[in-house]
Amino acid sequence: MDKAEAMRKTVPEVPLACTSQPSLPRALIVGYGNIDRADDGIAFEVINTLRRHQSRAPLGDEDTGLEALGTEIDTVFLSQLTPELLETLRDYDHIIFVDAHVYPDIGTLHCRDILPEGAPSILIHHLTPEILLAFLKALYGRDPLGHLVSLRGYDFDFHRHLSAKAKRWSKQAVQYIEQWLSAHGHGEWR
C-alpha cells in the first residue's frame, strides 16, 4: 500500500450533505398593472428601479422577467395575476406583490403582510394576491410569506407616463421593499 492509498483509508469521507451551505431564502417581487394606463403601471417603475439597484438590466416594455429567474431575489412584471404564475411562485420563500390602487382612505403607500384567502366558488377574471397564495398552499403545500406594497395612482388615462406624485412615491416604495428584504434575510441593498 503506497502513502496516498494509506491516507485515503485513514481520512473519513465527509457526506455531501454536511459540506453544503444552508440555502438562502429566495424572494420574488411581482409587479403587476397596465403600463399603458399611466399610474396603473407604477409597479413597472418599481420593478425596474429594484433591478437597477441589483445591477441588472431593466425590463423592456414587452419583457416579464420570467425568462431570467434563479437568483436569491427575482423580479417580474405582469399585466395581471394568473393561475399560471403558481408554478413559479412555489420556488420562493418570500413573495412581495406590487401594484397601484385608487383608494384615498388607505394611504398613498399601503404595505401589509398578506395571508392565503379562500378562493371564490365561481370562476373569476381577476386574482388577488391572497387568492393566489391560497391556490399555492392548496395545490403545492407551499406557504411563503406574502407581502403587499400598493401605491396610490392619480392618473389612469391612456399613456405611458407616471404622474409626478406616483413617480415620487415609487421611490418610497423601492426604499421600503429594500428595507423589508434586508429585514427578512436578503442582505443589504446598495
C-alpha atoms as a PDB file:
ATOM      1  CA  MET A   1       0.000   0.000   0.000  1.00  0.00           C
ATOM      2  CA  ASP A   2       1.524   3.342  -1.011  1.00  0.00           C
ATOM      3  CA  LYS A   3       1.355   6.523   1.110  1.00  0.00           C
ATOM      4  CA  ALA A   4      -1.568   8.125  -0.843  1.00  0.00           C
ATOM      5  CA  GLU A   5      -3.634   4.966  -0.534  1.00  0.00           C
ATOM      6  CA  ALA A   6      -2.952   4.823   3.203  1.00  0.00           C
ATOM      7  CA  MET A   7      -4.083   8.469   3.579  1.00  0.00           C
ATOM      8  CA  ARG A   8      -7.377   7.767   1.796  1.00  0.00           C
ATOM      9  CA  LYS A   9      -8.102   4.911   4.176  1.00  0.00           C
ATOM     10  CA  THR A  10      -7.430   6.998   7.310  1.00  0.00           C
ATOM     11  CA  VAL A  11      -9.347  10.134   6.306  1.00  0.00           C
ATOM     12  CA  PRO A  12     -13.090   9.529   6.553  1.00  0.00           C
ATOM     13  CA  GLU A  13     -15.230  10.631   3.678  1.00  0.00           C
ATOM     14  CA  VAL A  14     -17.494  13.564   4.535  1.00  0.00           C
ATOM     15  CA  PRO A  15     -21.039  13.159   3.248  1.00  0.00           C
ATOM     16  CA  LEU A  16     -22.050  15.854   0.777  1.00  0.00           C
ATOM     17  CA  ALA A  17     -24.975  16.904   2.964  1.00  0.00           C
ATOM     18  CA  CYS A  18     -22.531  18.012   5.673  1.00  0.00           C
ATOM     19  CA  THR A  19     -20.485  20.178   3.349  1.00  0.00           C
ATOM     20  CA  SER A  20     -23.281  22.127   1.688  1.00  0.00           C
ATOM     21  CA  GLN A  21     -24.216  25.614   2.793  1.00  0.00           C
ATOM     22  CA  PRO A  22     -27.716  26.221   4.104  1.00  0.00           C
ATOM     23  CA  SER A  23     -29.870  27.598   1.329  1.00  0.00           C
ATOM     24  CA  LEU A  24     -30.707  31.270   1.469  1.00  0.00           C
ATOM     25  CA  PRO A  25     -34.347  32.272   1.418  1.00  0.00           C
ATOM     26  CA  ARG A  26     -35.477  33.213  -2.064  1.00  0.00           C
ATOM     27  CA  ALA A  27     -37.671  36.217  -2.741  1.00  0.00           C
ATOM     28  CA  LEU A  28     -39.817  37.116  -5.718  1.00  0.00           C
ATOM     29  CA  ILE A  29     -41.118  40.614  -6.285  1.00  0.00           C
ATOM     30  CA  VAL A  30     -44.159  40.537  -8.555  1.00  0.00           C
ATOM     31  CA  GLY A  31     -45.194  43.860 -10.003  1.00  0.00           C
ATOM     32  CA  TYR A  32     -48.439  43.952 -11.938  1.00  0.00           C
ATOM     33  CA  GLY A  33     -50.539  46.501 -13.753  1.00  0.00           C
ATOM     34  CA  ASN A  34     -51.054  48.124 -17.140  1.00  0.00           C
ATOM     35  CA  ILE A  35     -48.179  50.297 -18.365  1.00  0.00           C
ATOM     36  CA  ASP A  36     -50.487  51.809 -20.994  1.00  0.00           C
ATOM     37  CA  ARG A  37     -52.722  53.326 -18.269  1.00  0.00           C
ATOM     38  CA  ALA A  38     -50.329  55.836 -16.683  1.00  0.00           C
ATOM     39  CA  ASP A  39     -50.134  55.231 -12.899  1.00  0.00           C
ATOM     40  CA  ASP A  40     -51.567  51.725 -13.222  1.00  0.00           C
ATOM     41  CA  GLY A  41     -48.055  50.843 -14.439  1.00  0.00           C
ATOM     42  CA  ILE A  42     -46.321  52.173 -11.311  1.00  0.00           C
ATOM     43  CA  ALA A  43     -45.162  48.658 -10.392  1.00  0.00           C
ATOM     44  CA  PHE A  44     -43.169  48.578 -13.653  1.00  0.00           C
ATOM     45  CA  GLU A  45     -41.206  51.603 -12.419  1.00  0.00           C
ATOM     46  CA  VAL A  46     -40.671  49.992  -9.003  1.00  0.00           C
ATOM     47  CA  ILE A  47     -39.508  46.681 -10.516  1.00  0.00           C
ATOM     48  CA  ASN A  48     -37.058  48.376 -12.877  1.00  0.00           C
ATOM     49  CA  THR A  49     -35.603  50.563 -10.134  1.00  0.00           C
ATOM     50  CA  LEU A  50     -35.060  47.462  -7.988  1.00  0.00           C
ATOM     51  CA  ARG A  51     -33.416  45.728 -10.949  1.00  0.00           C
ATOM     52  CA  ARG A  52     -31.042  48.676 -11.444  1.00  0.00           C
ATOM     53  CA  HIS A  53     -30.152  48.547  -7.735  1.00  0.00           C
ATOM     54  CA  GLN A  54     -29.268  44.868  -8.264  1.00  0.00           C
ATOM     55  CA  SER A  55     -27.047  45.842 -11.248  1.00  0.00           C
ATOM     56  CA  ARG A  56     -29.474  44.094 -13.584  1.00  0.00           C
ATOM     57  CA  ALA A  57     -30.855  45.441 -16.821  1.00  0.00           C
ATOM     58  CA  PRO A  58     -34.330  46.968 -16.564  1.00  0.00           C
ATOM     59  CA  LEU A  59     -37.195  45.149 -18.236  1.00  0.00           C
ATOM     60  CA  GLY A  60     -38.317  46.337 -21.638  1.00  0.00           C
ATOM     61  CA  ASP A  61     -41.958  47.169 -22.323  1.00  0.00           C
ATOM     62  CA  GLU A  62     -42.655  43.627 -23.545  1.00  0.00           C
ATOM     63  CA  ASP A  63     -40.475  41.769 -21.006  1.00  0.00           C
ATOM     64  CA  THR A  64     -41.791  39.981 -17.922  1.00  0.00           C
ATOM     65  CA  GLY A  65     -38.566  38.844 -16.252  1.00  0.00           C
ATOM     66  CA  LEU A  66     -39.888  35.276 -16.103  1.00  0.00           C
ATOM     67  CA  GLU A  67     -37.187  34.166 -18.521  1.00  0.00           C
ATOM     68  CA  ALA A  68     -34.363  35.185 -16.150  1.00  0.00           C
ATOM     69  CA  LEU A  69     -35.298  33.675 -12.777  1.00  0.00           C
ATOM     70  CA  GLY A  70     -32.921  31.845 -10.479  1.00  0.00           C
ATOM     71  CA  THR A  71     -31.292  34.423  -8.215  1.00  0.00           C
ATOM     72  CA  GLU A  72     -31.826  34.996  -4.494  1.00  0.00           C
ATOM     73  CA  ILE A  73     -34.113  37.935  -5.308  1.00  0.00           C
ATOM     74  CA  ASP A  74     -36.019  37.806  -8.587  1.00  0.00           C
ATOM     75  CA  THR A  75     -38.257  40.485 -10.076  1.00  0.00           C
ATOM     76  CA  VAL A  76     -41.062  40.166 -12.621  1.00  0.00           C
ATOM     77  CA  PHE A  77     -43.715  42.426 -14.081  1.00  0.00           C
ATOM     78  CA  LEU A  78     -47.032  41.093 -15.381  1.00  0.00           C
ATOM     79  CA  SER A  79     -50.190  42.695 -16.693  1.00  0.00           C
ATOM     80  CA  GLN A  80     -52.252  40.674 -14.194  1.00  0.00           C
ATOM     81  CA  LEU A  81     -52.021  37.801 -11.750  1.00  0.00           C
ATOM     82  CA  THR A  82     -52.964  34.465 -13.302  1.00  0.00           C
ATOM     83  CA  PRO A  83     -53.012  30.814 -12.139  1.00  0.00           C
ATOM     84  CA  GLU A  84     -50.079  30.056 -14.457  1.00  0.00           C
ATOM     85  CA  LEU A  85     -47.871  32.012 -12.050  1.00  0.00           C
ATOM     86  CA  LEU A  86     -48.260  29.278  -9.401  1.00  0.00           C
ATOM     87  CA  GLU A  87     -45.532  27.124 -10.988  1.00  0.00           C
ATOM     88  CA  THR A  88     -43.108  29.995 -10.472  1.00  0.00           C
ATOM     89  CA  LEU A  89     -44.290  31.063  -7.018  1.00  0.00           C
ATOM     90  CA  ARG A  90     -43.756  27.625  -5.488  1.00  0.00           C
ATOM     91  CA  ASP A  91     -39.974  28.111  -5.574  1.00  0.00           C
ATOM     92  CA  TYR A  92     -39.932  31.164  -3.271  1.00  0.00           C
ATOM     93  CA  ASP A  93     -39.941  31.757   0.484  1.00  0.00           C
ATOM     94  CA  HIS A  94     -40.969  35.421   0.308  1.00  0.00           C
ATOM     95  CA  ILE A  95     -43.263  36.983  -2.293  1.00  0.00           C
ATOM     96  CA  ILE A  96     -43.887  40.716  -2.495  1.00  0.00           C
ATOM     97  CA  PHE A  97     -46.737  41.906  -4.712  1.00  0.00           C
ATOM     98  CA  VAL A  98     -46.568  45.488  -6.022  1.00  0.00           C
ATOM     99  CA  ASP A  99     -49.499  47.280  -7.641  1.00  0.00           C
ATOM    100  CA  ALA A 100     -51.461  50.525  -7.888  1.00  0.00           C
ATOM    101  CA  HIS A 101     -54.628  51.375  -6.003  1.00  0.00           C
ATOM    102  CA  VAL A 102     -57.232  54.161  -6.189  1.00  0.00           C
ATOM    103  CA  TYR A 103     -58.380  54.340  -2.564  1.00  0.00           C
ATOM    104  CA  PRO A 104     -57.606  57.646  -0.791  1.00  0.00           C
ATOM    105  CA  ASP A 105     -58.613  56.252   2.606  1.00  0.00           C
ATOM    106  CA  ILE A 106     -55.850  53.581   2.825  1.00  0.00           C
ATOM    107  CA  GLY A 107     -52.884  55.880   2.278  1.00  0.00           C
ATOM    108  CA  THR A 108     -50.573  56.622  -0.589  1.00  0.00           C
ATOM    109  CA  LEU A 109     -48.169  53.786   0.219  1.00  0.00           C
ATOM    110  CA  HIS A 110     -50.119  50.866   1.653  1.00  0.00           C
ATOM    111  CA  CYS A 111     -47.976  47.950   2.861  1.00  0.00           C
ATOM    112  CA  ARG A 112     -49.083  44.856   4.735  1.00  0.00           C
ATOM    113  CA  ASP A 113     -48.492  41.147   5.145  1.00  0.00           C
ATOM    114  CA  ILE A 114     -50.988  39.015   3.279  1.00  0.00           C
ATOM    115  CA  LEU A 115     -52.310  35.564   4.079  1.00  0.00           C
ATOM    116  CA  PRO A 116     -53.859  32.937   1.829  1.00  0.00           C
ATOM    117  CA  GLU A 117     -57.551  33.680   1.425  1.00  0.00           C
ATOM    118  CA  GLY A 118     -60.154  31.188   0.289  1.00  0.00           C
ATOM    119  CA  ALA A 119     -60.939  31.342  -3.387  1.00  0.00           C
ATOM    120  CA  PRO A 120     -64.469  32.111  -4.522  1.00  0.00           C
ATOM    121  CA  SER A 121     -66.524  29.174  -5.760  1.00  0.00           C
ATOM    122  CA  ILE A 122     -67.121  30.691  -9.191  1.00  0.00           C
ATOM    123  CA  LEU A 123     -64.651  31.425 -11.952  1.00  0.00           C
ATOM    124  CA  ILE A 124     -63.294  34.944 -11.793  1.00  0.00           C
ATOM    125  CA  HIS A 125     -61.347  37.101 -14.194  1.00  0.00           C
ATOM    126  CA  HIS A 126     -59.124  38.762 -11.604  1.00  0.00           C
ATOM    127  CA  LEU A 127     -56.980  37.019  -8.961  1.00  0.00           C
ATOM    128  CA  THR A 128     -55.855  38.798  -5.826  1.00  0.00           C
ATOM    129  CA  PRO A 129     -52.503  38.034  -4.185  1.00  0.00           C
ATOM    130  CA  GLU A 130     -54.395  36.407  -1.293  1.00  0.00           C
ATOM    131  CA  ILE A 131     -56.277  34.048  -3.607  1.00  0.00           C
ATOM    132  CA  LEU A 132     -53.087  33.216  -5.499  1.00  0.00           C
ATOM    133  CA  LEU A 133     -51.374  32.308  -2.198  1.00  0.00           C
ATOM    134  CA  ALA A 134     -54.391  30.175  -1.246  1.00  0.00           C
ATOM    135  CA  PHE A 135     -54.100  28.234  -4.505  1.00  0.00           C
ATOM    136  CA  LEU A 136     -50.343  27.849  -3.913  1.00  0.00           C
ATOM    137  CA  LYS A 137     -50.981  26.360  -0.476  1.00  0.00           C
ATOM    138  CA  ALA A 138     -53.793  24.081  -1.653  1.00  0.00           C
ATOM    139  CA  LEU A 139     -52.070  22.786  -4.795  1.00  0.00           C
ATOM    140  CA  TYR A 140     -48.399  22.684  -3.779  1.00  0.00           C
ATOM    141  CA  GLY A 141     -48.438  22.736   0.026  1.00  0.00           C
ATOM    142  CA  ARG A 142     -46.319  25.889  -0.076  1.00  0.00           C
ATOM    143  CA  ASP A 143     -46.963  28.775   2.311  1.00  0.00           C
ATOM    144  CA  PRO A 144     -44.449  31.552   1.612  1.00  0.00           C
ATOM    145  CA  LEU A 145     -44.534  34.834   3.472  1.00  0.00           C
ATOM    146  CA  GLY A 146     -46.617  37.177   1.334  1.00  0.00           C
ATOM    147  CA  HIS A 147     -46.476  40.961   1.431  1.00  0.00           C
ATOM    148  CA  LEU A 148     -48.332  43.665  -0.473  1.00  0.00           C
ATOM    149  CA  VAL A 149     -46.953  47.061  -1.472  1.00  0.00           C
ATOM    150  CA  SER A 150     -49.722  49.096  -3.070  1.00  0.00           C
ATOM    151  CA  LEU A 151     -49.225  52.660  -4.274  1.00  0.00           C
ATOM    152  CA  ARG A 152     -51.954  55.163  -4.904  1.00  0.00           C
ATOM    153  CA  GLY A 153     -52.403  56.110  -8.526  1.00  0.00           C
ATOM    154  CA  TYR A 154     -53.711  59.505  -9.601  1.00  0.00           C
ATOM    155  CA  ASP A 155     -53.809  59.304 -13.390  1.00  0.00           C
ATOM    156  CA  PHE A 156     -55.216  56.303 -15.255  1.00  0.00           C
ATOM    157  CA  ASP A 157     -55.530  57.836 -18.728  1.00  0.00           C
ATOM    158  CA  PHE A 158     -54.178  56.025 -21.787  1.00  0.00           C
ATOM    159  CA  HIS A 159     -50.485  56.953 -21.864  1.00  0.00           C
ATOM    160  CA  ARG A 160     -47.184  55.617 -20.510  1.00  0.00           C
ATOM    161  CA  HIS A 161     -46.124  58.406 -18.167  1.00  0.00           C
ATOM    162  CA  LEU A 162     -46.460  58.311 -14.407  1.00  0.00           C
ATOM    163  CA  SER A 163     -47.912  61.323 -12.625  1.00  0.00           C
ATOM    164  CA  ALA A 164     -45.404  63.351 -10.599  1.00  0.00           C
ATOM    165  CA  LYS A 165     -46.960  62.119  -7.325  1.00  0.00           C
ATOM    166  CA  ALA A 166     -46.808  58.480  -8.382  1.00  0.00           C
ATOM    167  CA  LYS A 167     -43.189  58.812  -9.531  1.00  0.00           C
ATOM    168  CA  ARG A 168     -42.236  60.347  -6.173  1.00  0.00           C
ATOM    169  CA  TRP A 169     -43.998  57.578  -4.225  1.00  0.00           C
ATOM    170  CA  SER A 170     -42.422  54.862  -6.366  1.00  0.00           C
ATOM    171  CA  LYS A 171     -39.054  55.850  -4.857  1.00  0.00           C
ATOM    172  CA  GLN A 172     -40.511  55.460  -1.363  1.00  0.00           C
ATOM    173  CA  ALA A 173     -41.856  52.035  -2.313  1.00  0.00           C
ATOM    174  CA  VAL A 174     -38.443  50.908  -3.560  1.00  0.00           C
ATOM    175  CA  GLN A 175     -36.818  52.037  -0.322  1.00  0.00           C
ATOM    176  CA  TYR A 176     -39.493  50.235   1.703  1.00  0.00           C
ATOM    177  CA  ILE A 177     -39.078  46.976  -0.297  1.00  0.00           C
ATOM    178  CA  GLU A 178     -35.293  47.044   0.070  1.00  0.00           C
ATOM    179  CA  GLN A 179     -35.619  47.528   3.850  1.00  0.00           C
ATOM    180  CA  TRP A 180     -38.223  44.752   4.059  1.00  0.00           C
ATOM    181  CA  LEU A 181     -35.953  42.365   2.145  1.00  0.00           C
ATOM    182  CA  SER A 182     -32.966  43.212   4.354  1.00  0.00           C
ATOM    183  CA  ALA A 183     -35.059  42.612   7.487  1.00  0.00           C
ATOM    184  CA  HIS A 184     -36.072  39.195   6.123  1.00  0.00           C
ATOM    185  CA  GLY A 185     -32.585  37.832   5.453  1.00  0.00           C
ATOM    186  CA  HIS A 186     -31.823  39.170   1.982  1.00  0.00           C
ATOM    187  CA  GLY A 187     -28.704  41.211   2.778  1.00  0.00           C
ATOM    188  CA  GLU A 188     -28.019  44.890   2.474  1.00  0.00           C
ATOM    189  CA  TRP A 189     -29.034  46.845  -0.598  1.00  0.00           C
ATOM    190  CA  ARG A 190     -26.867  49.292  -2.495  1.00  0.00           C
END
